[in-house]
Amino acid sequence: HVAKGKNIPPFLILHVADHPDTSA
């Protein structure tokens, strides 16, 4: 759902660093 020109707002992506699947 991400593409140039879609006016996507700034993001902060949080994840659990010790969890390799969600970190990737």
PDB file of all heavy atoms in Angstrom:
ATOM      1  N   HIS A   1       0.823  -1.212   0.000  1.00  0.00           N
ATOM      2  CA  HIS A   1       0.000   0.000   0.000  1.00  0.00           C
ATOM      3  C   HIS A   1       0.856   1.262   0.000  1.00  0.00           C
ATOM      4  O   HIS A   1       0.335   2.358   0.137  1.00  0.00           O
ATOM      5  CB  HIS A   1      -0.934  -0.012   1.209  1.00  0.00           C
ATOM      6  CG  HIS A   1      -1.817  -1.224   1.239  1.00  0.00           C
ATOM      7  ND1 HIS A   1      -2.924  -1.362   0.430  1.00  0.00           N
ATOM      8  CD2 HIS A   1      -1.722  -2.372   1.945  1.00  0.00           C
ATOM      9  CE1 HIS A   1      -3.483  -2.541   0.653  1.00  0.00           C
ATOM     10  NE2 HIS A   1      -2.780  -3.175   1.574  1.00  0.00           N
ATOM     11  N   VAL A   2       2.168   1.106  -0.134  1.00  0.00           N
ATOM     12  CA  VAL A   2       3.102   2.227  -0.094  1.00  0.00           C
ATOM     13  C   VAL A   2       3.579   2.529  -1.508  1.00  0.00           C
ATOM     14  O   VAL A   2       3.987   1.633  -2.230  1.00  0.00           O
ATOM     15  CB  VAL A   2       4.325   1.892   0.804  1.00  0.00           C
ATOM     16  CG1 VAL A   2       5.360   2.994   0.740  1.00  0.00           C
ATOM     17  CG2 VAL A   2       3.880   1.638   2.231  1.00  0.00           C
ATOM     18  N   ALA A   3       3.497   3.796  -1.897  1.00  0.00           N
ATOM     19  CA  ALA A   3       4.003   4.220  -3.201  1.00  0.00           C
ATOM     20  C   ALA A   3       4.263   5.716  -3.168  1.00  0.00           C
ATOM     21  O   ALA A   3       3.658   6.446  -2.382  1.00  0.00           O
ATOM     22  CB  ALA A   3       2.989   3.887  -4.304  1.00  0.00           C
ATOM     23  N   LYS A   4       5.176   6.151  -4.004  1.00  0.00           N
ATOM     24  CA  LYS A   4       5.440   7.580  -4.121  1.00  0.00           C
ATOM     25  C   LYS A   4       4.157   8.300  -4.526  1.00  0.00           C
ATOM     26  O   LYS A   4       3.349   7.769  -5.281  1.00  0.00           O
ATOM     27  CB  LYS A   4       6.531   7.840  -5.153  1.00  0.00           C
ATOM     28  CG  LYS A   4       7.896   7.417  -4.704  1.00  0.00           C
ATOM     29  CD  LYS A   4       8.944   7.748  -5.740  1.00  0.00           C
ATOM     30  CE  LYS A   4      10.300   7.272  -5.246  1.00  0.00           C
ATOM     31  NZ  LYS A   4      11.371   7.593  -6.165  1.00  0.00           N
ATOM     32  N   GLY A   5       3.970   9.507  -4.014  1.00  0.00           N
ATOM     33  CA  GLY A   5       2.821  10.316  -4.382  1.00  0.00           C
ATOM     34  C   GLY A   5       1.561  10.017  -3.599  1.00  0.00           C
ATOM     35  O   GLY A   5       0.515  10.606  -3.874  1.00  0.00           O
ATOM     36  N   LYS A   6       1.613   9.112  -2.621  1.00  0.00           N
ATOM     37  CA  LYS A   6       0.423   8.783  -1.837  1.00  0.00           C
ATOM     38  C   LYS A   6       0.319   9.638  -0.575  1.00  0.00           C
ATOM     39  O   LYS A   6      -0.541   9.406   0.241  1.00  0.00           O
ATOM     40  CB  LYS A   6       0.417   7.301  -1.452  1.00  0.00           C
ATOM     41  CG  LYS A   6       0.086   6.385  -2.607  1.00  0.00           C
ATOM     42  CD  LYS A   6      -0.042   4.959  -2.149  1.00  0.00           C
ATOM     43  CE  LYS A   6      -1.485   4.545  -2.147  1.00  0.00           C
ATOM     44  NZ  LYS A   6      -1.648   3.118  -1.810  1.00  0.00           N
ATOM     45  N   ASN A   7       1.204  10.613  -0.423  1.00  0.00           N
ATOM     46  CA  ASN A   7       1.207  11.490   0.756  1.00  0.00           C
ATOM     47  C   ASN A   7       1.224  10.701   2.051  1.00  0.00           C
ATOM     48  O   ASN A   7       0.429  10.933   2.958  1.00  0.00           O
ATOM     49  CB  ASN A   7       0.017  12.450   0.721  1.00  0.00           C
ATOM     50  CG  ASN A   7       0.094  13.388  -0.458  1.00  0.00           C
ATOM     51  OD1 ASN A   7       1.172  13.863  -0.805  1.00  0.00           O
ATOM     52  ND2 ASN A   7      -1.027  13.627  -1.105  1.00  0.00           N
ATOM     53  N   ILE A   8       2.134   9.770   2.140  1.00  0.00           N
ATOM     54  CA  ILE A   8       2.258   8.937   3.327  1.00  0.00           C
ATOM     55  C   ILE A   8       2.872   9.772   4.442  1.00  0.00           C
ATOM     56  O   ILE A   8       3.895  10.422   4.250  1.00  0.00           O
ATOM     57  CB  ILE A   8       3.129   7.705   3.019  1.00  0.00           C
ATOM     58  CG1 ILE A   8       2.431   6.866   1.946  1.00  0.00           C
ATOM     59  CG2 ILE A   8       3.402   6.898   4.277  1.00  0.00           C
ATOM     60  CD1 ILE A   8       3.295   5.780   1.365  1.00  0.00           C
ATOM     61  N   PRO A   9       2.239   9.799   5.604  1.00  0.00           N
ATOM     62  CA  PRO A   9       2.754  10.614   6.712  1.00  0.00           C
ATOM     63  C   PRO A   9       4.021  10.000   7.305  1.00  0.00           C
ATOM     64  O   PRO A   9       4.346   8.843   7.034  1.00  0.00           O
ATOM     65  CB  PRO A   9       1.607  10.565   7.734  1.00  0.00           C
ATOM     66  CG  PRO A   9       0.938   9.268   7.469  1.00  0.00           C
ATOM     67  CD  PRO A   9       1.038   9.063   5.979  1.00  0.00           C
ATOM     68  N   PRO A  10       4.729  10.772   8.124  1.00  0.00           N
ATOM     69  CA  PRO A  10       5.900  10.210   8.805  1.00  0.00           C
ATOM     70  C   PRO A  10       5.502   8.997   9.644  1.00  0.00           C
ATOM     71  O   PRO A  10       4.396   8.927  10.175  1.00  0.00           O
ATOM     72  CB  PRO A  10       6.371  11.351   9.705  1.00  0.00           C
ATOM     73  CG  PRO A  10       5.841  12.581   9.056  1.00  0.00           C
ATOM     74  CD  PRO A  10       4.534  12.177   8.437  1.00  0.00           C
ATOM     75  N   PHE A  11       6.409   8.063   9.735  1.00  0.00           N
ATOM     76  CA  PHE A  11       6.172   6.810  10.446  1.00  0.00           C
ATOM     77  C   PHE A  11       7.172   6.634  11.566  1.00  0.00           C
ATOM     78  O   PHE A  11       8.324   7.027  11.440  1.00  0.00           O
ATOM     79  CB  PHE A  11       6.367   5.625   9.490  1.00  0.00           C
ATOM     80  CG  PHE A  11       5.119   5.068   8.898  1.00  0.00           C
ATOM     81  CD1 PHE A  11       4.407   5.773   7.954  1.00  0.00           C
ATOM     82  CD2 PHE A  11       4.663   3.820   9.280  1.00  0.00           C
ATOM     83  CE1 PHE A  11       3.269   5.246   7.390  1.00  0.00           C
ATOM     84  CE2 PHE A  11       3.526   3.285   8.724  1.00  0.00           C
ATOM     85  CZ  PHE A  11       2.825   3.996   7.781  1.00  0.00           C
ATOM     86  N   LEU A  12       6.748   6.004  12.628  1.00  0.00           N
ATOM     87  CA  LEU A  12       7.648   5.464  13.638  1.00  0.00           C
ATOM     88  C   LEU A  12       7.312   3.986  13.724  1.00  0.00           C
ATOM     89  O   LEU A  12       6.201   3.608  14.099  1.00  0.00           O
ATOM     90  CB  LEU A  12       7.459   6.120  15.002  1.00  0.00           C
ATOM     91  CG  LEU A  12       8.265   5.487  16.148  1.00  0.00           C
ATOM     92  CD1 LEU A  12       9.760   5.532  15.852  1.00  0.00           C
ATOM     93  CD2 LEU A  12       7.942   6.165  17.461  1.00  0.00           C
ATOM     94  N   ILE A  13       8.247   3.159  13.351  1.00  0.00           N
ATOM     95  CA  ILE A  13       8.033   1.715  13.337  1.00  0.00           C
ATOM     96  C   ILE A  13       8.677   1.134  14.588  1.00  0.00           C
ATOM     97  O   ILE A  13       9.893   1.163  14.732  1.00  0.00           O
ATOM     98  CB  ILE A  13       8.633   1.081  12.074  1.00  0.00           C
ATOM     99  CG1 ILE A  13       8.023   1.722  10.834  1.00  0.00           C
ATOM    100  CG2 ILE A  13       8.417  -0.426  12.084  1.00  0.00           C
ATOM    101  CD1 ILE A  13       8.736   1.364   9.554  1.00  0.00           C
ATOM    102  N   LEU A  14       7.864   0.634  15.467  1.00  0.00           N
ATOM    103  CA  LEU A  14       8.347   0.012  16.696  1.00  0.00           C
ATOM    104  C   LEU A  14       8.342  -1.495  16.531  1.00  0.00           C
ATOM    105  O   LEU A  14       7.434  -2.053  15.913  1.00  0.00           O
ATOM    106  CB  LEU A  14       7.443   0.385  17.869  1.00  0.00           C
ATOM    107  CG  LEU A  14       7.289   1.860  18.161  1.00  0.00           C
ATOM    108  CD1 LEU A  14       6.236   2.080  19.240  1.00  0.00           C
ATOM    109  CD2 LEU A  14       8.615   2.475  18.569  1.00  0.00           C
ATOM    110  N   HIS A  15       9.341  -2.133  17.091  1.00  0.00           N
ATOM    111  CA  HIS A  15       9.375  -3.588  17.062  1.00  0.00           C
ATOM    112  C   HIS A  15      10.196  -4.083  18.235  1.00  0.00           C
ATOM    113  O   HIS A  15      10.990  -3.350  18.814  1.00  0.00           O
ATOM    114  CB  HIS A  15       9.938  -4.114  15.735  1.00  0.00           C
ATOM    115  CG  HIS A  15      11.357  -3.720  15.465  1.00  0.00           C
ATOM    116  ND1 HIS A  15      12.420  -4.538  15.781  1.00  0.00           N
ATOM    117  CD2 HIS A  15      11.882  -2.599  14.947  1.00  0.00           C
ATOM    118  CE1 HIS A  15      13.538  -3.932  15.442  1.00  0.00           C
ATOM    119  NE2 HIS A  15      13.243  -2.762  14.933  1.00  0.00           N
ATOM    120  N   VAL A  16       9.969  -5.326  18.594  1.00  0.00           N
ATOM    121  CA  VAL A  16      10.721  -5.963  19.670  1.00  0.00           C
ATOM    122  C   VAL A  16      12.039  -6.440  19.072  1.00  0.00           C
ATOM    123  O   VAL A  16      12.059  -7.321  18.220  1.00  0.00           O
ATOM    124  CB  VAL A  16       9.916  -7.127  20.290  1.00  0.00           C
ATOM    125  CG1 VAL A  16      10.742  -7.847  21.341  1.00  0.00           C
ATOM    126  CG2 VAL A  16       8.612  -6.608  20.882  1.00  0.00           C
ATOM    127  N   ALA A  17      13.137  -5.842  19.516  1.00  0.00           N
ATOM    128  CA  ALA A  17      14.451  -6.116  18.936  1.00  0.00           C
ATOM    129  C   ALA A  17      14.877  -7.570  19.094  1.00  0.00           C
ATOM    130  O   ALA A  17      15.628  -8.087  18.271  1.00  0.00           O
ATOM    131  CB  ALA A  17      15.496  -5.195  19.563  1.00  0.00           C
ATOM    132  N   ASP A  18      14.412  -8.231  20.123  1.00  0.00           N
ATOM    133  CA  ASP A  18      14.802  -9.615  20.379  1.00  0.00           C
ATOM    134  C   ASP A  18      13.992 -10.630  19.574  1.00  0.00           C
ATOM    135  O   ASP A  18      14.194 -11.826  19.718  1.00  0.00           O
ATOM    136  CB  ASP A  18      14.663  -9.936  21.874  1.00  0.00           C
ATOM    137  CG  ASP A  18      15.509  -9.013  22.729  1.00  0.00           C
ATOM    138  OD1 ASP A  18      16.583  -8.591  22.268  1.00  0.00           O
ATOM    139  OD2 ASP A  18      15.085  -8.714  23.855  1.00  0.00           O
ATOM    140  N   HIS A  19      13.075 -10.173  18.764  1.00  0.00           N
ATOM    141  CA  HIS A  19      12.233 -11.069  17.978  1.00  0.00           C
ATOM    142  C   HIS A  19      12.655 -10.970  16.509  1.00  0.00           C
ATOM    143  O   HIS A  19      12.355  -9.983  15.832  1.00  0.00           O
ATOM    144  CB  HIS A  19      10.758 -10.679  18.126  1.00  0.00           C
ATOM    145  CG  HIS A  19       9.817 -11.719  17.643  1.00  0.00           C
ATOM    146  ND1 HIS A  19       9.677 -12.023  16.318  1.00  0.00           N
ATOM    147  CD2 HIS A  19       8.973 -12.528  18.305  1.00  0.00           C
ATOM    148  CE1 HIS A  19       8.776 -12.975  16.176  1.00  0.00           C
ATOM    149  NE2 HIS A  19       8.338 -13.296  17.366  1.00  0.00           N
ATOM    150  N   PRO A  20      13.370 -11.962  16.000  1.00  0.00           N
ATOM    151  CA  PRO A  20      13.931 -11.837  14.651  1.00  0.00           C
ATOM    152  C   PRO A  20      12.895 -11.700  13.538  1.00  0.00           C
ATOM    153  O   PRO A  20      13.143 -11.010  12.553  1.00  0.00           O
ATOM    154  CB  PRO A  20      14.753 -13.115  14.477  1.00  0.00           C
ATOM    155  CG  PRO A  20      14.258 -14.062  15.502  1.00  0.00           C
ATOM    156  CD  PRO A  20      13.708 -13.240  16.628  1.00  0.00           C
ATOM    157  N   ASP A  21      11.734 -12.328  13.684  1.00  0.00           N
ATOM    158  CA  ASP A  21      10.734 -12.248  12.618  1.00  0.00           C
ATOM    159  C   ASP A  21      10.181 -10.833  12.473  1.00  0.00           C
ATOM    160  O   ASP A  21      10.144 -10.278  11.376  1.00  0.00           O
ATOM    161  CB  ASP A  21       9.585 -13.233  12.862  1.00  0.00           C
ATOM    162  CG  ASP A  21      10.016 -14.678  12.740  1.00  0.00           C
ATOM    163  OD1 ASP A  21      10.976 -14.954  12.004  1.00  0.00           O
ATOM    164  OD2 ASP A  21       9.395 -15.529  13.391  1.00  0.00           O
ATOM    165  N   THR A  22       9.724 -10.250  13.579  1.00  0.00           N
ATOM    166  CA  THR A  22       9.136  -8.911  13.472  1.00  0.00           C
ATOM    167  C   THR A  22      10.203  -7.850  13.221  1.00  0.00           C
ATOM    168  O   THR A  22       9.921  -6.838  12.588  1.00  0.00           O
ATOM    169  CB  THR A  22       8.285  -8.555  14.711  1.00  0.00           C
ATOM    170  OG1 THR A  22       9.071  -8.715  15.891  1.00  0.00           O
ATOM    171  CG2 THR A  22       7.053  -9.418  14.779  1.00  0.00           C
ATOM    172  N   SER A  23      11.434  -8.077  13.689  1.00  0.00           N
ATOM    173  CA  SER A  23      12.511  -7.131  13.385  1.00  0.00           C
ATOM    174  C   SER A  23      12.767  -7.083  11.880  1.00  0.00           C
ATOM    175  O   SER A  23      12.884  -6.006  11.289  1.00  0.00           O
ATOM    176  CB  SER A  23      13.796  -7.513  14.116  1.00  0.00           C
ATOM    177  OG  SER A  23      13.653  -7.330  15.505  1.00  0.00           O
ATOM    178  N   ALA A  24      12.843  -8.239  11.243  1.00  0.00           N
ATOM    179  CA  ALA A  24      13.055  -8.292   9.794  1.00  0.00           C
ATOM    180  C   ALA A  24      11.909  -7.606   9.056  1.00  0.00           C
ATOM    181  O   ALA A  24      12.134  -6.866   8.097  1.00  0.00           O
ATOM    182  CB  ALA A  24      13.193  -9.746   9.333  1.00  0.00           C
TER     183      ALA A  24
END
